[in-house]
Structure formats: structure tokens, C-alpha cells
Amino acid sequence: MDRANQGDSKGAIEELQSLESEMPGDPRIALSLGFLYQSTDQNDLAISELEKAVGLNPSWEAYYALGLLYEAKMVEGNSDSWMPKAEVAWQDFLKLAPHDHLRRATGEKHLKSLRNQGS
């Protein structure tokens, strides 16, 4: 991840992909790849890796990112298929995030907004 910290996202992604082939099923690698793809606007790849990460080891961090990514997909179009995914991601984020976490309020706002849109 040093490459990502130095601004070399492409190199960091390549390193993580190589590591993932050596250690398949490691949720930390999928989570890191998901975040890197998200930071480089490769949203479909980010969603794929983050969904893999939560399938291996659910985390509030992954659900938070998935909520944002699913909502971005809603804006691009086809909100009927992405809205339920976004709602579930925010619900799962709120289940797992510590009660005093600063992002809880953001998650609650997103969930409320989605529910209002669905009404």
C-alpha cells in the first residue's frame, strides 16, 4: 500500500492483484482493492471487490463504501436495481459501525433519503 500512499494507484492495484492471486480469499486484500478502485473511479471493479470483501468478512468500512457506490450507480441510471442494494448497504453499515462513529449520522441521512425516495 506504500505505492498508493505515494500516489501510484496503478502500481498499488497491480501489487494487490498479485497478492490476491497468492492469497485468495483474504478479505483485507479485497477491501483494499475495492478502496483503490473507488479512489480511481473504477466503480464497477470497486463494487465487485467490496462485495467480495463483505462476503468474506463483513465490515462497516466496506458497507459505507458500497452505499456510496450504489447511490452513484443510481444517479447514473437504473435506480430501481441499485436503490435496494444501497438501502441494504446503509442498513448493514449502521448495524456494524460503532455507535459513536462520526459517519453514523451520514449513514442515517443516506438511509432516510433512500427511504423517502422509495415512498
PDB file of N, CA and C in Angstrom:
ATOM      1  N   MET A   1       0.818  -1.198   0.000  1.00  0.00           N
ATOM      2  CA  MET A   1       0.000   0.000   0.000  1.00  0.00           C
ATOM      3  C   MET A   1       0.860   1.260   0.000  1.00  0.00           C
ATOM      4  N   ASP A   2       2.164   1.106   0.139  1.00  0.00           N
ATOM      5  CA  ASP A   2       3.029   2.280   0.082  1.00  0.00           C
ATOM      6  C   ASP A   2       2.885   3.012  -1.245  1.00  0.00           C
ATOM      7  N   ARG A   3       2.704   2.246  -2.309  1.00  0.00           N
ATOM      8  CA  ARG A   3       2.561   2.880  -3.625  1.00  0.00           C
ATOM      9  C   ARG A   3       1.330   3.785  -3.659  1.00  0.00           C
ATOM     10  N   ALA A   4       0.246   3.327  -3.073  1.00  0.00           N
ATOM     11  CA  ALA A   4      -0.973   4.145  -3.048  1.00  0.00           C
ATOM     12  C   ALA A   4      -0.721   5.425  -2.259  1.00  0.00           C
ATOM     13  N   ASN A   5      -0.008   5.316  -1.149  1.00  0.00           N
ATOM     14  CA  ASN A   5       0.300   6.493  -0.340  1.00  0.00           C
ATOM     15  C   ASN A   5       1.215   7.465  -1.071  1.00  0.00           C
ATOM     16  N   GLN A   6       1.956   6.952  -2.035  1.00  0.00           N
ATOM     17  CA  GLN A   6       2.860   7.796  -2.818  1.00  0.00           C
ATOM     18  C   GLN A   6       2.209   8.272  -4.116  1.00  0.00           C
ATOM     19  N   GLY A   7       0.930   7.969  -4.280  1.00  0.00           N
ATOM     20  CA  GLY A   7       0.215   8.435  -5.461  1.00  0.00           C
ATOM     21  C   GLY A   7       0.265   7.488  -6.645  1.00  0.00           C
ATOM     22  N   ASP A   8       0.816   6.298  -6.449  1.00  0.00           N
ATOM     23  CA  ASP A   8       0.907   5.324  -7.536  1.00  0.00           C
ATOM     24  C   ASP A   8      -0.209   4.290  -7.386  1.00  0.00           C
ATOM     25  N   SER A   9      -1.425   4.725  -7.654  1.00  0.00           N
ATOM     26  CA  SER A   9      -2.576   3.829  -7.500  1.00  0.00           C
ATOM     27  C   SER A   9      -2.487   2.636  -8.436  1.00  0.00           C
ATOM     28  N   LYS A  10      -2.041   2.867  -9.665  1.00  0.00           N
ATOM     29  CA  LYS A  10      -1.939   1.769 -10.629  1.00  0.00           C
ATOM     30  C   LYS A  10      -0.970   0.706 -10.128  1.00  0.00           C
ATOM     31  N   GLY A  11       0.171   1.129  -9.634  1.00  0.00           N
ATOM     32  CA  GLY A  11       1.157   0.188  -9.096  1.00  0.00           C
ATOM     33  C   GLY A  11       0.633  -0.537  -7.870  1.00  0.00           C
ATOM     34  N   ALA A  12      -0.100   0.174  -7.020  1.00  0.00           N
ATOM     35  CA  ALA A  12      -0.671  -0.448  -5.822  1.00  0.00           C
ATOM     36  C   ALA A  12      -1.717  -1.495  -6.199  1.00  0.00           C
ATOM     37  N   ILE A  13      -2.528  -1.178  -7.210  1.00  0.00           N
ATOM     38  CA  ILE A  13      -3.537  -2.134  -7.678  1.00  0.00           C
ATOM     39  C   ILE A  13      -2.855  -3.381  -8.221  1.00  0.00           C
ATOM     40  N   GLU A  14      -1.795  -3.199  -9.007  1.00  0.00           N
ATOM     41  CA  GLU A  14      -1.074  -4.352  -9.553  1.00  0.00           C
ATOM     42  C   GLU A  14      -0.487  -5.212  -8.444  1.00  0.00           C
ATOM     43  N   GLU A  15       0.085  -4.587  -7.426  1.00  0.00           N
ATOM     44  CA  GLU A  15       0.644  -5.334  -6.296  1.00  0.00           C
ATOM     45  C   GLU A  15      -0.436  -6.124  -5.563  1.00  0.00           C
ATOM     46  N   LEU A  16      -1.573  -5.484  -5.338  1.00  0.00           N
ATOM     47  CA  LEU A  16      -2.656  -6.158  -4.633  1.00  0.00           C
ATOM     48  C   LEU A  16      -3.258  -7.288  -5.465  1.00  0.00           C
ATOM     49  N   GLN A  17      -3.354  -7.096  -6.756  1.00  0.00           N
ATOM     50  CA  GLN A  17      -3.853  -8.171  -7.623  1.00  0.00           C
ATOM     51  C   GLN A  17      -2.924  -9.377  -7.559  1.00  0.00           C
ATOM     52  N   SER A  18      -1.629  -9.129  -7.552  1.00  0.00           N
ATOM     53  CA  SER A  18      -0.657 -10.209  -7.444  1.00  0.00           C
ATOM     54  C   SER A  18      -0.782 -10.900  -6.088  1.00  0.00           C
ATOM     55  N   LEU A  19      -0.917 -10.115  -5.061  1.00  0.00           N
ATOM     56  CA  LEU A  19      -1.070 -10.664  -3.709  1.00  0.00           C
ATOM     57  C   LEU A  19      -2.366 -11.465  -3.586  1.00  0.00           C
ATOM     58  N   GLU A  20      -3.409 -10.984  -4.242  1.00  0.00           N
ATOM     59  CA  GLU A  20      -4.696 -11.675  -4.197  1.00  0.00           C
ATOM     60  C   GLU A  20      -4.597 -13.058  -4.846  1.00  0.00           C
ATOM     61  N   SER A  21      -3.798 -13.174  -5.895  1.00  0.00           N
ATOM     62  CA  SER A  21      -3.644 -14.487  -6.534  1.00  0.00           C
ATOM     63  C   SER A  21      -2.851 -15.434  -5.638  1.00  0.00           C
ATOM     64  N   GLU A  22      -1.971 -14.892  -4.802  1.00  0.00           N
ATOM     65  CA  GLU A  22      -1.199 -15.703  -3.863  1.00  0.00           C
ATOM     66  C   GLU A  22      -2.013 -16.056  -2.618  1.00  0.00           C
ATOM     67  N   MET A  23      -2.927 -15.182  -2.243  1.00  0.00           N
ATOM     68  CA  MET A  23      -3.708 -15.359  -1.011  1.00  0.00           C
ATOM     69  C   MET A  23      -5.201 -15.167  -1.300  1.00  0.00           C
ATOM     70  N   PRO A  24      -5.775 -16.024  -2.137  1.00  0.00           N
ATOM     71  CA  PRO A  24      -7.197 -15.845  -2.462  1.00  0.00           C
ATOM     72  C   PRO A  24      -8.055 -15.995  -1.200  1.00  0.00           C
ATOM     73  N   GLY A  25      -9.088 -15.222  -1.150  1.00  0.00           N
ATOM     74  CA  GLY A  25      -9.997 -15.307  -0.010  1.00  0.00           C
ATOM     75  C   GLY A  25      -9.618 -14.437   1.170  1.00  0.00           C
ATOM     76  N   ASP A  26      -8.587 -13.612   1.028  1.00  0.00           N
ATOM     77  CA  ASP A  26      -8.215 -12.704   2.115  1.00  0.00           C
ATOM     78  C   ASP A  26      -9.063 -11.436   1.994  1.00  0.00           C
ATOM     79  N   PRO A  27      -9.974 -11.203   2.950  1.00  0.00           N
ATOM     80  CA  PRO A  27     -10.869 -10.054   2.836  1.00  0.00           C
ATOM     81  C   PRO A  27     -10.143  -8.709   2.891  1.00  0.00           C
ATOM     82  N   ARG A  28      -8.987  -8.663   3.522  1.00  0.00           N
ATOM     83  CA  ARG A  28      -8.236  -7.400   3.604  1.00  0.00           C
ATOM     84  C   ARG A  28      -7.770  -6.954   2.223  1.00  0.00           C
ATOM     85  N   ILE A  29      -7.399  -7.930   1.394  1.00  0.00           N
ATOM     86  CA  ILE A  29      -6.941  -7.596   0.041  1.00  0.00           C
ATOM     87  C   ILE A  29      -8.114  -7.101  -0.793  1.00  0.00           C
ATOM     88  N   ALA A  30      -9.241  -7.800  -0.709  1.00  0.00           N
ATOM     89  CA  ALA A  30     -10.430  -7.375  -1.463  1.00  0.00           C
ATOM     90  C   ALA A  30     -10.876  -5.990  -1.020  1.00  0.00           C
ATOM     91  N   LEU A  31     -10.843  -5.732   0.276  1.00  0.00           N
ATOM     92  CA  LEU A  31     -11.240  -4.426   0.803  1.00  0.00           C
ATOM     93  C   LEU A  31     -10.298  -3.330   0.286  1.00  0.00           C
ATOM     94  N   SER A  32      -9.009  -3.589   0.342  1.00  0.00           N
ATOM     95  CA  SER A  32      -8.030  -2.603  -0.133  1.00  0.00           C
ATOM     96  C   SER A  32      -8.170  -2.353  -1.630  1.00  0.00           C
ATOM     97  N   LEU A  33      -8.351  -3.435  -2.400  1.00  0.00           N
ATOM     98  CA  LEU A  33      -8.563  -3.262  -3.837  1.00  0.00           C
ATOM     99  C   LEU A  33      -9.828  -2.460  -4.106  1.00  0.00           C
ATOM    100  N   GLY A  34     -10.890  -2.761  -3.361  1.00  0.00           N
ATOM    101  CA  GLY A  34     -12.135  -2.020  -3.535  1.00  0.00           C
ATOM    102  C   GLY A  34     -11.947  -0.531  -3.301  1.00  0.00           C
ATOM    103  N   PHE A  35     -11.232  -0.193  -2.239  1.00  0.00           N
ATOM    104  CA  PHE A  35     -10.992   1.223  -1.949  1.00  0.00           C
ATOM    105  C   PHE A  35     -10.132   1.876  -3.032  1.00  0.00           C
ATOM    106  N   LEU A  36      -9.122   1.161  -3.503  1.00  0.00           N
ATOM    107  CA  LEU A  36      -8.274   1.719  -4.565  1.00  0.00           C
ATOM    108  C   LEU A  36      -9.055   1.913  -5.855  1.00  0.00           C
ATOM    109  N   TYR A  37      -9.860   0.933  -6.221  1.00  0.00           N
ATOM    110  CA  TYR A  37     -10.683   1.095  -7.421  1.00  0.00           C
ATOM    111  C   TYR A  37     -11.649   2.268  -7.260  1.00  0.00           C
ATOM    112  N   GLN A  38     -12.219   2.400  -6.069  1.00  0.00           N
ATOM    113  CA  GLN A  38     -13.140   3.511  -5.822  1.00  0.00           C
ATOM    114  C   GLN A  38     -12.395   4.847  -5.971  1.00  0.00           C
ATOM    115  N   SER A  39     -11.193   4.921  -5.441  1.00  0.00           N
ATOM    116  CA  SER A  39     -10.438   6.183  -5.490  1.00  0.00           C
ATOM    117  C   SER A  39      -9.983   6.539  -6.897  1.00  0.00           C
ATOM    118  N   THR A  40      -9.996   5.561  -7.802  1.00  0.00           N
ATOM    119  CA  THR A  40      -9.590   5.823  -9.189  1.00  0.00           C
ATOM    120  C   THR A  40     -10.796   5.773 -10.130  1.00  0.00           C
ATOM    121  N   ASP A  41     -11.993   5.906  -9.558  1.00  0.00           N
ATOM    122  CA  ASP A  41     -13.246   5.961 -10.328  1.00  0.00           C
ATOM    123  C   ASP A  41     -13.501   4.718 -11.178  1.00  0.00           C
ATOM    124  N   GLN A  42     -13.020   3.590 -10.723  1.00  0.00           N
ATOM    125  CA  GLN A  42     -13.315   2.314 -11.370  1.00  0.00           C
ATOM    126  C   GLN A  42     -14.417   1.636 -10.542  1.00  0.00           C
ATOM    127  N   ASN A  43     -15.593   2.242 -10.596  1.00  0.00           N
ATOM    128  CA  ASN A  43     -16.653   1.880  -9.662  1.00  0.00           C
ATOM    129  C   ASN A  43     -17.159   0.453  -9.807  1.00  0.00           C
ATOM    130  N   ASP A  44     -17.240  -0.063 -11.016  1.00  0.00           N
ATOM    131  CA  ASP A  44     -17.709  -1.443 -11.174  1.00  0.00           C
ATOM    132  C   ASP A  44     -16.737  -2.425 -10.524  1.00  0.00           C
ATOM    133  N   LEU A  45     -15.447  -2.195 -10.721  1.00  0.00           N
ATOM    134  CA  LEU A  45     -14.443  -3.055 -10.081  1.00  0.00           C
ATOM    135  C   LEU A  45     -14.459  -2.869  -8.566  1.00  0.00           C
ATOM    136  N   ALA A  46     -14.663  -1.633  -8.118  1.00  0.00           N
ATOM    137  CA  ALA A  46     -14.742  -1.367  -6.676  1.00  0.00           C
ATOM    138  C   ALA A  46     -15.904  -2.134  -6.059  1.00  0.00           C
ATOM    139  N   ILE A  47     -17.052  -2.073  -6.703  1.00  0.00           N
ATOM    140  CA  ILE A  47     -18.227  -2.781  -6.193  1.00  0.00           C
ATOM    141  C   ILE A  47     -17.952  -4.276  -6.122  1.00  0.00           C
ATOM    142  N   SER A  48     -17.366  -4.817  -7.163  1.00  0.00           N
ATOM    143  CA  SER A  48     -17.072  -6.253  -7.186  1.00  0.00           C
ATOM    144  C   SER A  48     -16.160  -6.659  -6.029  1.00  0.00           C
ATOM    145  N   GLU A  49     -15.095  -5.905  -5.822  1.00  0.00           N
ATOM    146  CA  GLU A  49     -14.145  -6.246  -4.748  1.00  0.00           C
ATOM    147  C   GLU A  49     -14.762  -6.034  -3.363  1.00  0.00           C
ATOM    148  N   LEU A  50     -15.517  -4.960  -3.195  1.00  0.00           N
ATOM    149  CA  LEU A  50     -16.125  -4.698  -1.893  1.00  0.00           C
ATOM    150  C   LEU A  50     -17.212  -5.723  -1.573  1.00  0.00           C
ATOM    151  N   GLU A  51     -17.958  -6.147  -2.584  1.00  0.00           N
ATOM    152  CA  GLU A  51     -18.945  -7.207  -2.357  1.00  0.00           C
ATOM    153  C   GLU A  51     -18.246  -8.510  -1.971  1.00  0.00           C
ATOM    154  N   LYS A  52     -17.100  -8.762  -2.598  1.00  0.00           N
ATOM    155  CA  LYS A  52     -16.314  -9.939  -2.231  1.00  0.00           C
ATOM    156  C   LYS A  52     -15.839  -9.819  -0.783  1.00  0.00           C
ATOM    157  N   ALA A  53     -15.374  -8.634  -0.415  1.00  0.00           N
ATOM    158  CA  ALA A  53     -14.875  -8.415   0.948  1.00  0.00           C
ATOM    159  C   ALA A  53     -15.957  -8.654   1.992  1.00  0.00           C
ATOM    160  N   VAL A  54     -17.159  -8.134   1.766  1.00  0.00           N
ATOM    161  CA  VAL A  54     -18.218  -8.329   2.769  1.00  0.00           C
ATOM    162  C   VAL A  54     -18.707  -9.770   2.785  1.00  0.00           C
ATOM    163  N   GLY A  55     -18.564 -10.460   1.658  1.00  0.00           N
ATOM    164  CA  GLY A  55     -18.908 -11.879   1.644  1.00  0.00           C
ATOM    165  C   GLY A  55     -17.935 -12.708   2.474  1.00  0.00           C
ATOM    166  N   LEU A  56     -16.696 -12.253   2.537  1.00  0.00           N
ATOM    167  CA  LEU A  56     -15.666 -12.957   3.300  1.00  0.00           C
ATOM    168  C   LEU A  56     -15.636 -12.529   4.769  1.00  0.00           C
ATOM    169  N   ASN A  57     -15.813 -11.234   4.997  1.00  0.00           N
ATOM    170  CA  ASN A  57     -15.746 -10.700   6.357  1.00  0.00           C
ATOM    171  C   ASN A  57     -16.453  -9.345   6.376  1.00  0.00           C
ATOM    172  N   PRO A  58     -17.724  -9.314   6.727  1.00  0.00           N
ATOM    173  CA  PRO A  58     -18.470  -8.044   6.709  1.00  0.00           C
ATOM    174  C   PRO A  58     -17.794  -6.972   7.576  1.00  0.00           C
ATOM    175  N   SER A  59     -17.730  -5.768   7.034  1.00  0.00           N
ATOM    176  CA  SER A  59     -17.146  -4.650   7.788  1.00  0.00           C
ATOM    177  C   SER A  59     -17.929  -3.378   7.493  1.00  0.00           C
ATOM    178  N   TRP A  60     -17.983  -2.502   8.478  1.00  0.00           N
ATOM    179  CA  TRP A  60     -18.705  -1.245   8.278  1.00  0.00           C
ATOM    180  C   TRP A  60     -18.035  -0.411   7.201  1.00  0.00           C
ATOM    181  N   GLU A  61     -16.708  -0.523   7.084  1.00  0.00           N
ATOM    182  CA  GLU A  61     -15.984   0.259   6.092  1.00  0.00           C
ATOM    183  C   GLU A  61     -16.429  -0.100   4.674  1.00  0.00           C
ATOM    184  N   ALA A  62     -16.546  -1.396   4.422  1.00  0.00           N
ATOM    185  CA  ALA A  62     -16.955  -1.845   3.093  1.00  0.00           C
ATOM    186  C   ALA A  62     -18.399  -1.458   2.808  1.00  0.00           C
ATOM    187  N   TYR A  63     -19.277  -1.608   3.805  1.00  0.00           N
ATOM    188  CA  TYR A  63     -20.677  -1.249   3.588  1.00  0.00           C
ATOM    189  C   TYR A  63     -20.844   0.249   3.353  1.00  0.00           C
ATOM    190  N   TYR A  64     -20.060   1.056   4.034  1.00  0.00           N
ATOM    191  CA  TYR A  64     -20.112   2.507   3.822  1.00  0.00           C
ATOM    192  C   TYR A  64     -19.755   2.824   2.362  1.00  0.00           C
ATOM    193  N   ALA A  65     -18.647   2.252   1.902  1.00  0.00           N
ATOM    194  CA  ALA A  65     -18.219   2.496   0.521  1.00  0.00           C
ATOM    195  C   ALA A  65     -19.249   1.960  -0.474  1.00  0.00           C
ATOM    196  N   LEU A  66     -19.800   0.775  -0.198  1.00  0.00           N
ATOM    197  CA  LEU A  66     -20.813   0.220  -1.093  1.00  0.00           C
ATOM    198  C   LEU A  66     -22.057   1.105  -1.148  1.00  0.00           C
ATOM    199  N   GLY A  67     -22.466   1.640  -0.004  1.00  0.00           N
ATOM    200  CA  GLY A  67     -23.615   2.542  -0.006  1.00  0.00           C
ATOM    201  C   GLY A  67     -23.392   3.725  -0.940  1.00  0.00           C
ATOM    202  N   LEU A  68     -22.221   4.321  -0.856  1.00  0.00           N
ATOM    203  CA  LEU A  68     -21.894   5.455  -1.726  1.00  0.00           C
ATOM    204  C   LEU A  68     -21.831   5.036  -3.193  1.00  0.00           C
ATOM    205  N   LEU A  69     -21.210   3.895  -3.450  1.00  0.00           N
ATOM    206  CA  LEU A  69     -21.072   3.430  -4.830  1.00  0.00           C
ATOM    207  C   LEU A  69     -22.420   3.058  -5.437  1.00  0.00           C
ATOM    208  N   TYR A  70     -23.262   2.386  -4.676  1.00  0.00           N
ATOM    209  CA  TYR A  70     -24.588   2.031  -5.188  1.00  0.00           C
ATOM    210  C   TYR A  70     -25.404   3.290  -5.478  1.00  0.00           C
ATOM    211  N   GLU A  71     -25.281   4.301  -4.614  1.00  0.00           N
ATOM    212  CA  GLU A  71     -26.002   5.552  -4.873  1.00  0.00           C
ATOM    213  C   GLU A  71     -25.456   6.252  -6.120  1.00  0.00           C
ATOM    214  N   ALA A  72     -24.157   6.165  -6.339  1.00  0.00           N
ATOM    215  CA  ALA A  72     -23.583   6.738  -7.563  1.00  0.00           C
ATOM    216  C   ALA A  72     -24.160   6.039  -8.791  1.00  0.00           C
ATOM    217  N   LYS A  73     -24.345   4.728  -8.689  1.00  0.00           N
ATOM    218  CA  LYS A  73     -24.957   3.977  -9.787  1.00  0.00           C
ATOM    219  C   LYS A  73     -26.406   4.407 -10.000  1.00  0.00           C
ATOM    220  N   MET A  74     -27.104   4.739  -8.925  1.00  0.00           N
ATOM    221  CA  MET A  74     -28.480   5.219  -9.039  1.00  0.00           C
ATOM    222  C   MET A  74     -28.529   6.505  -9.850  1.00  0.00           C
ATOM    223  N   VAL A  75     -27.569   7.390  -9.599  1.00  0.00           N
ATOM    224  CA  VAL A  75     -27.518   8.675 -10.300  1.00  0.00           C
ATOM    225  C   VAL A  75     -27.246   8.446 -11.786  1.00  0.00           C
ATOM    226  N   GLU A  76     -26.421   7.442 -12.088  1.00  0.00           N
ATOM    227  CA  GLU A  76     -26.110   7.128 -13.488  1.00  0.00           C
ATOM    228  C   GLU A  76     -27.328   6.586 -14.222  1.00  0.00           C
ATOM    229  N   GLY A  77     -28.280   6.056 -13.487  1.00  0.00           N
ATOM    230  CA  GLY A  77     -29.483   5.489 -14.093  1.00  0.00           C
ATOM    231  C   GLY A  77     -29.816   4.142 -13.490  1.00  0.00           C
ATOM    232  N   ASN A  78     -31.007   3.658 -13.798  1.00  0.00           N
ATOM    233  CA  ASN A  78     -31.465   2.354 -13.322  1.00  0.00           C
ATOM    234  C   ASN A  78     -31.517   2.290 -11.795  1.00  0.00           C
ATOM    235  N   SER A  79     -32.123   3.297 -11.208  1.00  0.00           N
ATOM    236  CA  SER A  79     -32.183   3.336  -9.749  1.00  0.00           C
ATOM    237  C   SER A  79     -33.017   2.204  -9.171  1.00  0.00           C
ATOM    238  N   ASP A  80     -33.923   1.633  -9.967  1.00  0.00           N
ATOM    239  CA  ASP A  80     -34.747   0.539  -9.460  1.00  0.00           C
ATOM    240  C   ASP A  80     -33.908  -0.649  -9.016  1.00  0.00           C
ATOM    241  N   SER A  81     -32.814  -0.922  -9.703  1.00  0.00           N
ATOM    242  CA  SER A  81     -31.982  -2.061  -9.306  1.00  0.00           C
ATOM    243  C   SER A  81     -30.935  -1.691  -8.261  1.00  0.00           C
ATOM    244  N   TRP A  82     -30.501  -0.436  -8.243  1.00  0.00           N
ATOM    245  CA  TRP A  82     -29.442  -0.036  -7.308  1.00  0.00           C
ATOM    246  C   TRP A  82     -29.983   0.456  -5.972  1.00  0.00           C
ATOM    247  N   MET A  83     -31.181   1.011  -5.947  1.00  0.00           N
ATOM    248  CA  MET A  83     -31.715   1.555  -4.700  1.00  0.00           C
ATOM    249  C   MET A  83     -31.832   0.495  -3.598  1.00  0.00           C
ATOM    250  N   PRO A  84     -32.382  -0.687  -3.875  1.00  0.00           N
ATOM    251  CA  PRO A  84     -32.459  -1.690  -2.802  1.00  0.00           C
ATOM    252  C   PRO A  84     -31.083  -2.100  -2.284  1.00  0.00           C
ATOM    253  N   LYS A  85     -30.108  -2.172  -3.171  1.00  0.00           N
ATOM    254  CA  LYS A  85     -28.746  -2.516  -2.748  1.00  0.00           C
ATOM    255  C   LYS A  85     -28.172  -1.426  -1.846  1.00  0.00           C
ATOM    256  N   ALA A  86     -28.405  -0.174  -2.220  1.00  0.00           N
ATOM    257  CA  ALA A  86     -27.911   0.941  -1.413  1.00  0.00           C
ATOM    258  C   ALA A  86     -28.563   0.925  -0.031  1.00  0.00           C
ATOM    259  N   GLU A  87     -29.855   0.686   0.002  1.00  0.00           N
ATOM    260  CA  GLU A  87     -30.564   0.665   1.285  1.00  0.00           C
ATOM    261  C   GLU A  87     -30.018  -0.433   2.200  1.00  0.00           C
ATOM    262  N   VAL A  88     -29.802  -1.612   1.655  1.00  0.00           N
ATOM    263  CA  VAL A  88     -29.262  -2.718   2.451  1.00  0.00           C
ATOM    264  C   VAL A  88     -27.842  -2.398   2.920  1.00  0.00           C
ATOM    265  N   ALA A  89     -27.030  -1.799   2.041  1.00  0.00           N
ATOM    266  CA  ALA A  89     -25.661  -1.452   2.424  1.00  0.00           C
ATOM    267  C   ALA A  89     -25.655  -0.475   3.596  1.00  0.00           C
ATOM    268  N   TRP A  90     -26.527   0.534   3.546  1.00  0.00           N
ATOM    269  CA  TRP A  90     -26.581   1.501   4.651  1.00  0.00           C
ATOM    270  C   TRP A  90     -27.103   0.844   5.928  1.00  0.00           C
ATOM    271  N   GLN A  91     -28.079  -0.040   5.806  1.00  0.00           N
ATOM    272  CA  GLN A  91     -28.577  -0.755   6.990  1.00  0.00           C
ATOM    273  C   GLN A  91     -27.458  -1.584   7.615  1.00  0.00           C
ATOM    274  N   ASP A  92     -26.716  -2.295   6.788  1.00  0.00           N
ATOM    275  CA  ASP A  92     -25.625  -3.121   7.299  1.00  0.00           C
ATOM    276  C   ASP A  92     -24.509  -2.258   7.886  1.00  0.00           C
ATOM    277  N   PHE A  93     -24.240  -1.129   7.254  1.00  0.00           N
ATOM    278  CA  PHE A  93     -23.256  -0.198   7.819  1.00  0.00           C
ATOM    279  C   PHE A  93     -23.670   0.204   9.237  1.00  0.00           C
ATOM    280  N   LEU A  94     -24.932   0.579   9.403  1.00  0.00           N
ATOM    281  CA  LEU A  94     -25.409   1.031  10.713  1.00  0.00           C
ATOM    282  C   LEU A  94     -25.408  -0.095  11.743  1.00  0.00           C
ATOM    283  N   LYS A  95     -25.590  -1.329  11.305  1.00  0.00           N
ATOM    284  CA  LYS A  95     -25.522  -2.462  12.234  1.00  0.00           C
ATOM    285  C   LYS A  95     -24.104  -2.674  12.758  1.00  0.00           C
ATOM    286  N   LEU A  96     -23.112  -2.445  11.899  1.00  0.00           N
ATOM    287  CA  LEU A  96     -21.729  -2.773  12.247  1.00  0.00           C
ATOM    288  C   LEU A  96     -20.903  -1.598  12.756  1.00  0.00           C
ATOM    289  N   ALA A  97     -21.255  -0.394  12.381  1.00  0.00           N
ATOM    290  CA  ALA A  97     -20.450   0.772  12.781  1.00  0.00           C
ATOM    291  C   ALA A  97     -20.597   1.017  14.281  1.00  0.00           C
ATOM    292  N   PRO A  98     -19.509   1.376  14.931  1.00  0.00           N
ATOM    293  CA  PRO A  98     -19.602   1.723  16.360  1.00  0.00           C
ATOM    294  C   PRO A  98     -20.623   2.851  16.568  1.00  0.00           C
ATOM    295  N   HIS A  99     -21.328   2.796  17.691  1.00  0.00           N
ATOM    296  CA  HIS A  99     -22.396   3.767  17.940  1.00  0.00           C
ATOM    297  C   HIS A  99     -21.896   5.202  18.043  1.00  0.00           C
ATOM    298  N   ASP A 100     -20.634   5.383  18.372  1.00  0.00           N
ATOM    299  CA  ASP A 100     -20.094   6.736  18.487  1.00  0.00           C
ATOM    300  C   ASP A 100     -19.293   7.152  17.242  1.00  0.00           C
ATOM    301  N   HIS A 101     -19.406   6.379  16.173  1.00  0.00           N
ATOM    302  CA  HIS A 101     -18.635   6.674  14.967  1.00  0.00           C
ATOM    303  C   HIS A 101     -19.180   7.928  14.281  1.00  0.00           C
ATOM    304  N   LEU A 102     -18.281   8.760  13.808  1.00  0.00           N
ATOM    305  CA  LEU A 102     -18.659  10.026  13.185  1.00  0.00           C
ATOM    306  C   LEU A 102     -19.491   9.850  11.918  1.00  0.00           C
ATOM    307  N   ARG A 103     -19.297   8.748  11.205  1.00  0.00           N
ATOM    308  CA  ARG A 103     -20.013   8.551   9.945  1.00  0.00           C
ATOM    309  C   ARG A 103     -21.417   7.973  10.124  1.00  0.00           C
ATOM    310  N   ARG A 104     -21.795   7.620  11.340  1.00  0.00           N
ATOM    311  CA  ARG A 104     -23.141   7.074  11.565  1.00  0.00           C
ATOM    312  C   ARG A 104     -24.212   8.059  11.108  1.00  0.00           C
ATOM    313  N   ALA A 105     -24.028   9.334  11.438  1.00  0.00           N
ATOM    314  CA  ALA A 105     -25.023  10.337  11.049  1.00  0.00           C
ATOM    315  C   ALA A 105     -25.152  10.409   9.530  1.00  0.00           C
ATOM    316  N   THR A 106     -24.044  10.285   8.838  1.00  0.00           N
ATOM    317  CA  THR A 106     -24.075  10.283   7.374  1.00  0.00           C
ATOM    318  C   THR A 106     -24.849   9.074   6.864  1.00  0.00           C
ATOM    319  N   GLY A 107     -24.569   7.910   7.423  1.00  0.00           N
ATOM    320  CA  GLY A 107     -25.284   6.704   7.033  1.00  0.00           C
ATOM    321  C   GLY A 107     -26.776   6.810   7.294  1.00  0.00           C
ATOM    322  N   GLU A 108     -27.131   7.380   8.437  1.00  0.00           N
ATOM    323  CA  GLU A 108     -28.554   7.558   8.766  1.00  0.00           C
ATOM    324  C   GLU A 108     -29.234   8.499   7.780  1.00  0.00           C
ATOM    325  N   LYS A 109     -28.540   9.574   7.383  1.00  0.00           N
ATOM    326  CA  LYS A 109     -29.105  10.521   6.410  1.00  0.00           C
ATOM    327  C   LYS A 109     -29.311   9.855   5.052  1.00  0.00           C
ATOM    328  N   HIS A 110     -28.321   9.078   4.628  1.00  0.00           N
ATOM    329  CA  HIS A 110     -28.446   8.393   3.341  1.00  0.00           C
ATOM    330  C   HIS A 110     -29.615   7.409   3.369  1.00  0.00           C
ATOM    331  N   LEU A 111     -29.730   6.644   4.437  1.00  0.00           N
ATOM    332  CA  LEU A 111     -30.797   5.672   4.545  1.00  0.00           C
ATOM    333  C   LEU A 111     -32.170   6.351   4.561  1.00  0.00           C
ATOM    334  N   LYS A 112     -32.273   7.424   5.313  1.00  0.00           N
ATOM    335  CA  LYS A 112     -33.540   8.171   5.367  1.00  0.00           C
ATOM    336  C   LYS A 112     -33.908   8.719   3.988  1.00  0.00           C
ATOM    337  N   SER A 113     -32.926   9.266   3.289  1.00  0.00           N
ATOM    338  CA  SER A 113     -33.159   9.809   1.950  1.00  0.00           C
ATOM    339  C   SER A 113     -33.621   8.726   0.987  1.00  0.00           C
ATOM    340  N   LEU A 114     -33.000   7.561   1.047  1.00  0.00           N
ATOM    341  CA  LEU A 114     -33.395   6.452   0.176  1.00  0.00           C
ATOM    342  C   LEU A 114     -34.819   5.999   0.477  1.00  0.00           C
ATOM    343  N   ARG A 115     -35.133   5.929   1.742  1.00  0.00           N
ATOM    344  CA  ARG A 115     -36.484   5.508   2.121  1.00  0.00           C
ATOM    345  C   ARG A 115     -37.533   6.524   1.675  1.00  0.00           C
ATOM    346  N   ASN A 116     -37.175   7.809   1.727  1.00  0.00           N
ATOM    347  CA  ASN A 116     -38.098   8.843   1.247  1.00  0.00           C
ATOM    348  C   ASN A 116     -38.280   8.767  -0.260  1.00  0.00           C
ATOM    349  N   GLN A 117     -37.215   8.433  -0.974  1.00  0.00           N
ATOM    350  CA  GLN A 117     -37.298   8.302  -2.433  1.00  0.00           C
ATOM    351  C   GLN A 117     -38.153   7.111  -2.822  1.00  0.00           C
ATOM    352  N   GLY A 118     -38.084   6.056  -2.017  1.00  0.00           N
ATOM    353  CA  GLY A 118     -38.830   4.846  -2.314  1.00  0.00           C
ATOM    354  C   GLY A 118     -40.299   4.937  -1.976  1.00  0.00           C
ATOM    355  N   SER A 119     -40.672   5.967  -1.228  1.00  0.00           N
ATOM    356  CA  SER A 119     -42.091   6.114  -0.812  1.00  0.00           C
ATOM    357  C   SER A 119     -42.961   6.611  -1.921  1.00  0.00           C
TER     358      SER A 119
END
